[in-house]
Amino acid sequence: MDVANETSGVTGNGAASGPAPQAKQFDELPYFNEYLQAILRPKIEKTLETMDRLLTEAAWRHIISTVATDQRLPPEIATTVIRPLLEQKLGLKMQVKLESQFATPPPVPAPAPGVDLGEGVTRTPGPDGVDVMTVRRRPITNPIANAVANSSRPMGR
């Protein structure tokens, strides 16, 4: 009995059992663009800033190691002597700069006016170009709750 792998469409003997089902495109996932802009991009920017600082320190360690090797100094002495010597006596200032840039995000196509987005949500264009989202609640199926919610009697006694 040959069982096809659901994601690859390949049977246990290595033969293809037919076309594999299409994977959902990232752009079709709900809130994908919001995730990219609000979560992933700030995380990457913070990581790049950290890397920027670490690169300068890595350059200093490399220079100190090179000078220590040339002078045959032990590493524990080299770190306490060479950097202050280079900074104070030679006036060496060093900063390694990592350059990165995100491209401007492509515009997100808005659904057509009055489009039903599913689950009781409708988007319609409003004043000043702002979209208006209308959310309809599902009807309550509890008879007591319906009676209370639809009651026209005043609540006081």
Protein backbone atom coordinates (compact mmCIF):
# COMPACT_ATOMS: atom_id res chain seq x y z
CA MET A 1 0.00 0.00 0.00
CA ASP A 2 1.48 3.36 -1.05
CA VAL A 3 0.63 6.36 1.08
CA ALA A 4 1.35 9.78 -0.39
CA ASN A 5 2.96 12.45 1.73
CA GLU A 6 0.32 15.16 2.02
CA THR A 7 2.71 18.07 1.61
CA SER A 8 5.03 16.75 -1.09
CA GLY A 9 2.74 14.37 -2.98
CA VAL A 10 5.46 11.71 -2.99
CA THR A 11 4.57 8.13 -2.19
CA GLY A 12 6.55 5.89 0.12
CA ASN A 13 8.42 4.41 -2.88
CA GLY A 14 9.57 7.86 -4.09
CA ALA A 15 7.10 8.19 -6.97
CA ALA A 16 4.94 11.27 -7.23
CA SER A 17 1.28 10.55 -6.60
CA GLY A 18 0.02 13.62 -8.40
CA PRO A 19 0.23 17.36 -7.97
CA ALA A 20 0.95 18.49 -4.43
CA PRO A 21 -1.63 20.79 -2.90
CA GLN A 22 -0.74 24.46 -3.30
CA ALA A 23 0.64 26.07 -0.16
CA LYS A 24 -1.04 29.29 0.91
CA GLN A 25 0.94 32.33 -0.20
CA PHE A 26 2.29 34.53 2.59
CA ASP A 27 0.49 37.58 1.22
CA GLU A 28 -2.82 35.75 1.62
CA LEU A 29 -2.36 35.15 5.36
CA PRO A 30 -4.47 37.40 7.58
CA TYR A 31 -2.54 40.25 9.22
CA PHE A 32 0.68 39.24 7.44
CA ASN A 33 1.65 42.80 6.41
CA GLU A 34 0.84 44.10 9.90
CA TYR A 35 3.10 41.38 11.35
CA LEU A 36 5.92 42.38 9.01
CA GLN A 37 5.67 46.09 9.85
CA ALA A 38 4.78 45.98 13.57
CA ILE A 39 6.68 42.95 14.82
CA LEU A 40 9.31 41.61 12.44
CA ARG A 41 10.75 44.91 11.17
CA PRO A 42 11.32 46.45 14.66
CA LYS A 43 12.91 43.19 15.81
CA ILE A 44 15.29 43.16 12.85
CA GLU A 45 16.11 46.86 13.34
CA LYS A 46 16.97 46.23 17.01
CA THR A 47 19.12 43.24 16.02
CA LEU A 48 20.95 45.36 13.43
CA GLU A 49 21.64 48.07 16.04
CA THR A 50 23.07 45.42 18.38
CA MET A 51 25.20 44.03 15.56
CA ASP A 52 26.44 47.53 14.79
CA ARG A 53 27.76 47.90 18.35
CA LEU A 54 29.21 44.38 18.36
CA LEU A 55 31.08 44.98 15.10
CA THR A 56 32.98 47.91 16.63
CA GLU A 57 33.95 45.79 19.63
CA ALA A 58 34.95 42.92 17.33
CA ALA A 59 37.20 45.31 15.36
CA TRP A 60 38.84 46.48 18.61
CA ARG A 61 39.41 42.86 19.72
CA HIS A 62 40.97 42.04 16.35
CA ILE A 63 43.32 45.03 16.45
CA ILE A 64 44.32 44.29 20.06
CA SER A 65 44.93 40.65 19.16
CA THR A 66 47.05 41.63 16.16
CA VAL A 67 49.18 44.05 18.17
CA ALA A 68 49.49 41.55 21.07
CA THR A 69 50.66 38.84 18.65
CA ASP A 70 53.24 41.21 17.10
CA GLN A 71 54.51 42.27 20.54
CA ARG A 72 54.25 38.75 22.01
CA LEU A 73 52.07 39.94 24.87
CA PRO A 74 49.80 37.61 26.83
CA PRO A 75 46.08 38.22 26.06
CA GLU A 76 45.17 39.30 29.62
CA ILE A 77 47.80 42.06 29.55
CA ALA A 78 47.08 43.08 25.97
CA THR A 79 43.44 43.97 26.63
CA THR A 80 44.27 46.22 29.58
CA VAL A 81 47.28 47.93 27.98
CA ILE A 82 46.88 48.16 24.20
CA ARG A 83 43.44 49.76 23.84
CA PRO A 84 44.12 52.60 26.33
CA LEU A 85 47.51 53.11 24.63
CA LEU A 86 45.90 53.35 21.19
CA GLU A 87 43.03 55.57 22.37
CA GLN A 88 44.94 57.91 24.69
CA LYS A 89 48.41 58.16 23.15
CA LEU A 90 47.55 57.80 19.46
CA GLY A 91 44.05 59.24 19.68
CA LEU A 92 42.52 56.33 17.79
CA LYS A 93 38.75 56.54 17.59
CA MET A 94 37.04 53.76 15.76
CA GLN A 95 33.46 53.02 14.87
CA VAL A 96 32.39 50.31 12.49
CA LYS A 97 29.13 51.22 10.80
CA LEU A 98 26.72 48.64 9.48
CA GLU A 99 24.47 50.13 6.86
CA SER A 100 21.07 48.63 6.23
CA GLN A 101 17.90 49.93 4.68
CA PHE A 102 14.42 48.54 4.28
CA ALA A 103 12.67 49.27 1.03
CA THR A 104 9.45 51.14 1.42
CA PRO A 105 6.69 48.59 1.79
CA PRO A 106 4.44 48.09 -1.20
CA PRO A 107 0.98 49.58 -0.79
CA VAL A 108 -1.52 47.14 0.60
CA PRO A 109 -4.44 46.87 -1.81
CA ALA A 110 -7.67 47.71 -0.03
CA PRO A 111 -10.73 45.61 -0.75
CA ALA A 112 -13.40 47.14 -2.96
CA PRO A 113 -15.95 49.39 -1.22
CA GLY A 114 -18.59 47.59 0.77
CA VAL A 115 -16.72 44.31 0.67
CA ASP A 116 -17.73 41.62 3.13
CA LEU A 117 -14.56 40.49 4.89
CA GLY A 118 -16.27 37.50 6.48
CA GLU A 119 -17.40 36.73 10.01
CA GLY A 120 -19.84 39.65 10.02
CA VAL A 121 -17.25 42.33 9.14
CA THR A 122 -17.84 44.75 6.25
CA ARG A 123 -15.47 47.48 5.03
CA THR A 124 -16.90 50.58 3.33
CA PRO A 125 -15.19 53.85 2.42
CA GLY A 126 -16.03 56.61 4.84
CA PRO A 127 -15.48 60.37 4.99
CA ASP A 128 -11.97 61.72 4.47
CA GLY A 129 -10.84 58.46 2.85
CA VAL A 130 -11.02 56.52 6.12
CA ASP A 131 -12.42 53.01 5.86
CA VAL A 132 -15.37 52.22 8.10
CA MET A 133 -15.48 48.71 9.51
CA THR A 134 -18.94 47.43 10.44
CA VAL A 135 -19.05 44.44 12.75
CA ARG A 136 -22.32 42.58 13.21
CA ARG A 137 -22.78 40.36 16.23
CA ARG A 138 -24.14 36.90 15.85
CA PRO A 139 -27.64 36.54 17.27
CA ILE A 140 -27.80 35.25 20.80
CA THR A 141 -29.31 31.76 20.84
CA ASN A 142 -30.15 31.79 24.55
CA PRO A 143 -33.91 32.52 24.94
CA ILE A 144 -33.51 34.22 28.34
CA ALA A 145 -30.70 36.44 27.06
CA ASN A 146 -32.80 37.32 23.98
CA ALA A 147 -35.74 38.25 26.19
CA VAL A 148 -33.58 40.55 28.33
CA ALA A 149 -31.72 42.08 25.37
CA ASN A 150 -34.94 42.76 23.42
CA SER A 151 -37.04 43.89 26.37
CA SER A 152 -38.58 47.34 26.05
CA ARG A 153 -39.57 47.44 29.73
CA PRO A 154 -37.61 49.73 32.04
CA MET A 155 -35.16 47.89 34.29
CA GLY A 156 -36.22 49.65 37.53
CA ARG A 157 -39.05 48.35 39.77
